[in-house]
Amino acid sequence: MIRFLSNFQRLRRDSRGGVFIEYLLLCTIVGIGVIVGLATLKEALIGELNDLAQAVGAIICPPGSGGG
């Protein structure tokens, strides 16, 4: 127990690990933001492409034209 407390006190005075933890936290937050942004972009792109496909389909095969 004494050894644990002395190691804990030494770690509190050491600041080298703190900078690494801050960079790790920053990269994690940025990574999560990128993932969420790409997921949102994917959904928007799929919606736009579906709209485009319906518009092209309406030009090629207008409703009521017999289908083909």
PDB file of N, CA and C in Angstrom:
ATOM      1  N   MET A   1       0.824  -1.191   0.000  1.00  0.00           N
ATOM      2  CA  MET A   1       0.000   0.000   0.000  1.00  0.00           C
ATOM      3  C   MET A   1       0.868   1.255   0.000  1.00  0.00           C
ATOM      4  N   ILE A   2       1.954   1.223   0.758  1.00  0.00           N
ATOM      5  CA  ILE A   2       2.862   2.369   0.804  1.00  0.00           C
ATOM      6  C   ILE A   2       3.481   2.600  -0.572  1.00  0.00           C
ATOM      7  N   ARG A   3       3.832   1.503  -1.234  1.00  0.00           N
ATOM      8  CA  ARG A   3       4.440   1.611  -2.554  1.00  0.00           C
ATOM      9  C   ARG A   3       3.450   2.228  -3.554  1.00  0.00           C
ATOM     10  N   PHE A   4       2.182   1.823  -3.478  1.00  0.00           N
ATOM     11  CA  PHE A   4       1.159   2.379  -4.353  1.00  0.00           C
ATOM     12  C   PHE A   4       1.015   3.880  -4.134  1.00  0.00           C
ATOM     13  N   LEU A   5       0.989   4.309  -2.895  1.00  0.00           N
ATOM     14  CA  LEU A   5       0.842   5.733  -2.591  1.00  0.00           C
ATOM     15  C   LEU A   5       2.040   6.536  -3.075  1.00  0.00           C
ATOM     16  N   SER A   6       3.241   5.978  -2.931  1.00  0.00           N
ATOM     17  CA  SER A   6       4.420   6.704  -3.405  1.00  0.00           C
ATOM     18  C   SER A   6       4.423   6.801  -4.932  1.00  0.00           C
ATOM     19  N   ASN A   7       3.987   5.734  -5.593  1.00  0.00           N
ATOM     20  CA  ASN A   7       3.881   5.783  -7.053  1.00  0.00           C
ATOM     21  C   ASN A   7       2.811   6.777  -7.484  1.00  0.00           C
ATOM     22  N   PHE A   8       1.720   6.835  -6.751  1.00  0.00           N
ATOM     23  CA  PHE A   8       0.652   7.766  -7.073  1.00  0.00           C
ATOM     24  C   PHE A   8       1.130   9.206  -6.912  1.00  0.00           C
ATOM     25  N   GLN A   9       1.865   9.491  -5.868  1.00  0.00           N
ATOM     26  CA  GLN A   9       2.399  10.836  -5.657  1.00  0.00           C
ATOM     27  C   GLN A   9       3.380  11.203  -6.774  1.00  0.00           C
ATOM     28  N   ARG A  10       4.189  10.255  -7.192  1.00  0.00           N
ATOM     29  CA  ARG A  10       5.151  10.512  -8.260  1.00  0.00           C
ATOM     30  C   ARG A  10       4.426  10.795  -9.574  1.00  0.00           C
ATOM     31  N   LEU A  11       3.347  10.054  -9.858  1.00  0.00           N
ATOM     32  CA  LEU A  11       2.592  10.276 -11.077  1.00  0.00           C
ATOM     33  C   LEU A  11       1.875  11.627 -11.067  1.00  0.00           C
ATOM     34  N   ARG A  12       1.459  12.089  -9.915  1.00  0.00           N
ATOM     35  CA  ARG A  12       0.803  13.388  -9.822  1.00  0.00           C
ATOM     36  C   ARG A  12       1.767  14.520 -10.162  1.00  0.00           C
ATOM     37  N   ARG A  13       3.030  14.361  -9.821  1.00  0.00           N
ATOM     38  CA  ARG A  13       4.024  15.398 -10.110  1.00  0.00           C
ATOM     39  C   ARG A  13       4.510  15.342 -11.549  1.00  0.00           C
ATOM     40  N   ASP A  14       4.410  14.183 -12.192  1.00  0.00           N
ATOM     41  CA  ASP A  14       4.896  14.011 -13.561  1.00  0.00           C
ATOM     42  C   ASP A  14       3.843  14.534 -14.537  1.00  0.00           C
ATOM     43  N   SER A  15       4.238  15.436 -15.429  1.00  0.00           N
ATOM     44  CA  SER A  15       3.268  16.028 -16.357  1.00  0.00           C
ATOM     45  C   SER A  15       3.416  15.495 -17.783  1.00  0.00           C
ATOM     46  N   ARG A  16       4.351  14.600 -18.028  1.00  0.00           N
ATOM     47  CA  ARG A  16       4.549  14.096 -19.391  1.00  0.00           C
ATOM     48  C   ARG A  16       3.349  13.314 -19.892  1.00  0.00           C
ATOM     49  N   GLY A  17       2.739  12.541 -19.033  1.00  0.00           N
ATOM     50  CA  GLY A  17       1.587  11.743 -19.448  1.00  0.00           C
ATOM     51  C   GLY A  17       0.350  12.583 -19.677  1.00  0.00           C
ATOM     52  N   GLY A  18       0.276  13.722 -19.031  1.00  0.00           N
ATOM     53  CA  GLY A  18      -0.898  14.588 -19.173  1.00  0.00           C
ATOM     54  C   GLY A  18      -1.058  15.116 -20.576  1.00  0.00           C
ATOM     55  N   VAL A  19       0.039  15.482 -21.207  1.00  0.00           N
ATOM     56  CA  VAL A  19      -0.014  16.002 -22.575  1.00  0.00           C
ATOM     57  C   VAL A  19      -0.490  14.904 -23.527  1.00  0.00           C
ATOM     58  N   PHE A  20      -0.007  13.698 -23.326  1.00  0.00           N
ATOM     59  CA  PHE A  20      -0.432  12.572 -24.161  1.00  0.00           C
ATOM     60  C   PHE A  20      -1.926  12.320 -24.000  1.00  0.00           C
ATOM     61  N   ILE A  21      -2.412  12.361 -22.785  1.00  0.00           N
ATOM     62  CA  ILE A  21      -3.834  12.132 -22.528  1.00  0.00           C
ATOM     63  C   ILE A  21      -4.672  13.225 -23.189  1.00  0.00           C
ATOM     64  N   GLU A  22      -4.205  14.466 -23.137  1.00  0.00           N
ATOM     65  CA  GLU A  22      -4.942  15.557 -23.773  1.00  0.00           C
ATOM     66  C   GLU A  22      -5.014  15.367 -25.290  1.00  0.00           C
ATOM     67  N   TYR A  23      -3.895  14.999 -25.904  1.00  0.00           N
ATOM     68  CA  TYR A  23      -3.893  14.741 -27.348  1.00  0.00           C
ATOM     69  C   TYR A  23      -4.777  13.546 -27.692  1.00  0.00           C
ATOM     70  N   LEU A  24      -4.753  12.525 -26.873  1.00  0.00           N
ATOM     71  CA  LEU A  24      -5.588  11.350 -27.101  1.00  0.00           C
ATOM     72  C   LEU A  24      -7.068  11.724 -27.021  1.00  0.00           C
ATOM     73  N   LEU A  25      -7.439  12.518 -26.044  1.00  0.00           N
ATOM     74  CA  LEU A  25      -8.823  12.958 -25.905  1.00  0.00           C
ATOM     75  C   LEU A  25      -9.237  13.829 -27.088  1.00  0.00           C
ATOM     76  N   LEU A  26      -8.364  14.721 -27.503  1.00  0.00           N
ATOM     77  CA  LEU A  26      -8.654  15.584 -28.649  1.00  0.00           C
ATOM     78  C   LEU A  26      -8.856  14.759 -29.922  1.00  0.00           C
ATOM     79  N   CYS A  27      -7.972  13.817 -30.168  1.00  0.00           N
ATOM     80  CA  CYS A  27      -8.092  12.971 -31.364  1.00  0.00           C
ATOM     81  C   CYS A  27      -9.355  12.111 -31.306  1.00  0.00           C
ATOM     82  N   THR A  28      -9.732  11.651 -30.133  1.00  0.00           N
ATOM     83  CA  THR A  28     -10.950  10.858 -29.984  1.00  0.00           C
ATOM     84  C   THR A  28     -12.174  11.692 -30.319  1.00  0.00           C
ATOM     85  N   ILE A  29     -12.232  12.910 -29.810  1.00  0.00           N
ATOM     86  CA  ILE A  29     -13.375  13.788 -30.072  1.00  0.00           C
ATOM     87  C   ILE A  29     -13.451  14.135 -31.561  1.00  0.00           C
ATOM     88  N   VAL A  30     -12.315  14.441 -32.167  1.00  0.00           N
ATOM     89  CA  VAL A  30     -12.292  14.756 -33.596  1.00  0.00           C
ATOM     90  C   VAL A  30     -12.707  13.531 -34.412  1.00  0.00           C
ATOM     91  N   GLY A  31     -12.232  12.366 -34.029  1.00  0.00           N
ATOM     92  CA  GLY A  31     -12.597  11.135 -34.731  1.00  0.00           C
ATOM     93  C   GLY A  31     -14.087  10.858 -34.669  1.00  0.00           C
ATOM     94  N   ILE A  32     -14.683  11.046 -33.506  1.00  0.00           N
ATOM     95  CA  ILE A  32     -16.125  10.853 -33.371  1.00  0.00           C
ATOM     96  C   ILE A  32     -16.874  11.854 -34.242  1.00  0.00           C
ATOM     97  N   GLY A  33     -16.399  13.084 -34.273  1.00  0.00           N
ATOM     98  CA  GLY A  33     -17.031  14.100 -35.120  1.00  0.00           C
ATOM     99  C   GLY A  33     -16.958  13.750 -36.591  1.00  0.00           C
ATOM    100  N   VAL A  34     -15.825  13.225 -37.025  1.00  0.00           N
ATOM    101  CA  VAL A  34     -15.665  12.827 -38.430  1.00  0.00           C
ATOM    102  C   VAL A  34     -16.613  11.682 -38.769  1.00  0.00           C
ATOM    103  N   ILE A  35     -16.725  10.721 -37.884  1.00  0.00           N
ATOM    104  CA  ILE A  35     -17.607   9.575 -38.131  1.00  0.00           C
ATOM    105  C   ILE A  35     -19.058  10.029 -38.227  1.00  0.00           C
ATOM    106  N   VAL A  36     -19.475  10.881 -37.314  1.00  0.00           N
ATOM    107  CA  VAL A  36     -20.860  11.379 -37.342  1.00  0.00           C
ATOM    108  C   VAL A  36     -21.102  12.209 -38.601  1.00  0.00           C
ATOM    109  N   GLY A  37     -20.142  13.039 -38.966  1.00  0.00           N
ATOM    110  CA  GLY A  37     -20.286  13.852 -40.171  1.00  0.00           C
ATOM    111  C   GLY A  37     -20.374  13.013 -41.429  1.00  0.00           C
ATOM    112  N   LEU A  38     -19.558  11.983 -41.518  1.00  0.00           N
ATOM    113  CA  LEU A  38     -19.601  11.107 -42.704  1.00  0.00           C
ATOM    114  C   LEU A  38     -20.904  10.324 -42.767  1.00  0.00           C
ATOM    115  N   ALA A  39     -21.426   9.906 -41.629  1.00  0.00           N
ATOM    116  CA  ALA A  39     -22.700   9.188 -41.616  1.00  0.00           C
ATOM    117  C   ALA A  39     -23.825  10.108 -42.084  1.00  0.00           C
ATOM    118  N   THR A  40     -23.802  11.358 -41.649  1.00  0.00           N
ATOM    119  CA  THR A  40     -24.812  12.318 -42.074  1.00  0.00           C
ATOM    120  C   THR A  40     -24.683  12.613 -43.565  1.00  0.00           C
ATOM    121  N   LEU A  41     -23.468  12.769 -44.028  1.00  0.00           N
ATOM    122  CA  LEU A  41     -23.224  13.007 -45.453  1.00  0.00           C
ATOM    123  C   LEU A  41     -23.709  11.836 -46.295  1.00  0.00           C
ATOM    124  N   LYS A  42     -23.493  10.623 -45.826  1.00  0.00           N
ATOM    125  CA  LYS A  42     -23.934   9.431 -46.550  1.00  0.00           C
ATOM    126  C   LYS A  42     -25.445   9.426 -46.707  1.00  0.00           C
ATOM    127  N   GLU A  43     -26.165   9.718 -45.628  1.00  0.00           N
ATOM    128  CA  GLU A  43     -27.624   9.727 -45.695  1.00  0.00           C
ATOM    129  C   GLU A  43     -28.126  10.806 -46.654  1.00  0.00           C
ATOM    130  N   ALA A  44     -27.522  11.987 -46.613  1.00  0.00           N
ATOM    131  CA  ALA A  44     -27.936  13.069 -47.505  1.00  0.00           C
ATOM    132  C   ALA A  44     -27.643  12.717 -48.964  1.00  0.00           C
ATOM    133  N   LEU A  45     -26.496  12.104 -49.217  1.00  0.00           N
ATOM    134  CA  LEU A  45     -26.125  11.723 -50.579  1.00  0.00           C
ATOM    135  C   LEU A  45     -27.051  10.644 -51.123  1.00  0.00           C
ATOM    136  N   ILE A  46     -27.405   9.677 -50.306  1.00  0.00           N
ATOM    137  CA  ILE A  46     -28.334   8.626 -50.740  1.00  0.00           C
ATOM    138  C   ILE A  46     -29.690   9.236 -51.071  1.00  0.00           C
ATOM    139  N   GLY A  47     -30.147  10.162 -50.258  1.00  0.00           N
ATOM    140  CA  GLY A  47     -31.420  10.827 -50.532  1.00  0.00           C
ATOM    141  C   GLY A  47     -31.403  11.594 -51.842  1.00  0.00           C
ATOM    142  N   GLU A  48     -30.327  12.320 -52.099  1.00  0.00           N
ATOM    143  CA  GLU A  48     -30.217  13.082 -53.356  1.00  0.00           C
ATOM    144  C   GLU A  48     -30.138  12.155 -54.557  1.00  0.00           C
ATOM    145  N   LEU A  49     -29.401  11.066 -54.446  1.00  0.00           N
ATOM    146  CA  LEU A  49     -29.299  10.130 -55.562  1.00  0.00           C
ATOM    147  C   LEU A  49     -30.631   9.428 -55.830  1.00  0.00           C
ATOM    148  N   ASN A  50     -31.391   9.139 -54.787  1.00  0.00           N
ATOM    149  CA  ASN A  50     -32.721   8.561 -54.980  1.00  0.00           C
ATOM    150  C   ASN A  50     -33.643   9.551 -55.688  1.00  0.00           C
ATOM    151  N   ASP A  51     -33.574  10.818 -55.294  1.00  0.00           N
ATOM    152  CA  ASP A  51     -34.369  11.837 -55.977  1.00  0.00           C
ATOM    153  C   ASP A  51     -33.980  11.940 -57.449  1.00  0.00           C
ATOM    154  N   LEU A  52     -32.694  11.899 -57.734  1.00  0.00           N
ATOM    155  CA  LEU A  52     -32.224  11.959 -59.115  1.00  0.00           C
ATOM    156  C   LEU A  52     -32.703  10.750 -59.913  1.00  0.00           C
ATOM    157  N   ALA A  53     -32.640   9.577 -59.306  1.00  0.00           N
ATOM    158  CA  ALA A  53     -33.087   8.368 -59.993  1.00  0.00           C
ATOM    159  C   ALA A  53     -34.579   8.440 -60.308  1.00  0.00           C
ATOM    160  N   GLN A  54     -35.378   8.961 -59.395  1.00  0.00           N
ATOM    161  CA  GLN A  54     -36.814   9.101 -59.648  1.00  0.00           C
ATOM    162  C   GLN A  54     -37.084  10.117 -60.749  1.00  0.00           C
ATOM    163  N   ALA A  55     -36.315  11.199 -60.782  1.00  0.00           N
ATOM    164  CA  ALA A  55     -36.500  12.213 -61.821  1.00  0.00           C
ATOM    165  C   ALA A  55     -36.137  11.657 -63.192  1.00  0.00           C
ATOM    166  N   VAL A  56     -35.037  10.940 -63.273  1.00  0.00           N
ATOM    167  CA  VAL A  56     -34.636  10.338 -64.546  1.00  0.00           C
ATOM    168  C   VAL A  56     -35.650   9.290 -64.964  1.00  0.00           C
ATOM    169  N   GLY A  57     -36.136   8.504 -64.021  1.00  0.00           N
ATOM    170  CA  GLY A  57     -37.150   7.505 -64.324  1.00  0.00           C
ATOM    171  C   GLY A  57     -38.434   8.127 -64.825  1.00  0.00           C
ATOM    172  N   ALA A  58     -38.804   9.291 -64.307  1.00  0.00           N
ATOM    173  CA  ALA A  58     -40.018   9.974 -64.750  1.00  0.00           C
ATOM    174  C   ALA A  58     -39.848  10.520 -66.164  1.00  0.00           C
ATOM    175  N   ILE A  59     -38.646  10.902 -66.533  1.00  0.00           N
ATOM    176  CA  ILE A  59     -38.397  11.404 -67.890  1.00  0.00           C
ATOM    177  C   ILE A  59     -38.440  10.252 -68.898  1.00  0.00           C
ATOM    178  N   ILE A  60     -37.816   9.135 -68.561  1.00  0.00           N
ATOM    179  CA  ILE A  60     -37.722   8.008 -69.485  1.00  0.00           C
ATOM    180  C   ILE A  60     -39.050   7.278 -69.607  1.00  0.00           C
ATOM    181  N   CYS A  61     -39.709   7.026 -68.481  1.00  0.00           N
ATOM    182  CA  CYS A  61     -40.966   6.294 -68.462  1.00  0.00           C
ATOM    183  C   CYS A  61     -42.013   7.107 -67.715  1.00  0.00           C
ATOM    184  N   PRO A  62     -42.684   8.032 -68.400  1.00  0.00           N
ATOM    185  CA  PRO A  62     -43.698   8.824 -67.696  1.00  0.00           C
ATOM    186  C   PRO A  62     -44.834   7.939 -67.194  1.00  0.00           C
ATOM    187  N   PRO A  63     -45.440   8.309 -66.087  1.00  0.00           N
ATOM    188  CA  PRO A  63     -46.548   7.489 -65.554  1.00  0.00           C
ATOM    189  C   PRO A  63     -47.699   7.408 -66.572  1.00  0.00           C
ATOM    190  N   GLY A  64     -48.239   6.225 -66.721  1.00  0.00           N
ATOM    191  CA  GLY A  64     -49.359   6.021 -67.635  1.00  0.00           C
ATOM    192  C   GLY A  64     -48.951   5.776 -69.078  1.00  0.00           C
ATOM    193  N   SER A  65     -47.638   5.607 -69.330  1.00  0.00           N
ATOM    194  CA  SER A  65     -47.196   5.419 -70.714  1.00  0.00           C
ATOM    195  C   SER A  65     -47.163   3.960 -71.122  1.00  0.00           C
ATOM    196  N   GLY A  66     -47.519   3.084 -70.266  1.00  0.00           N
ATOM    197  CA  GLY A  66     -47.504   1.669 -70.616  1.00  0.00           C
ATOM    198  C   GLY A  66     -46.304   0.932 -70.070  1.00  0.00           C
ATOM    199  N   GLY A  67     -45.317   1.638 -69.517  1.00  0.00           N
ATOM    200  CA  GLY A  67     -44.194   1.009 -68.833  1.00  0.00           C
ATOM    201  C   GLY A  67     -43.091   0.498 -69.706  1.00  0.00           C
ATOM    202  N   GLY A  68     -43.114   0.592 -70.974  1.00  0.00           N
ATOM    203  CA  GLY A  68     -41.940   0.113 -71.630  1.00  0.00           C
ATOM    204  C   GLY A  68     -42.021  -0.097 -73.039  1.00  0.00           C
TER     205      GLY A  68
END
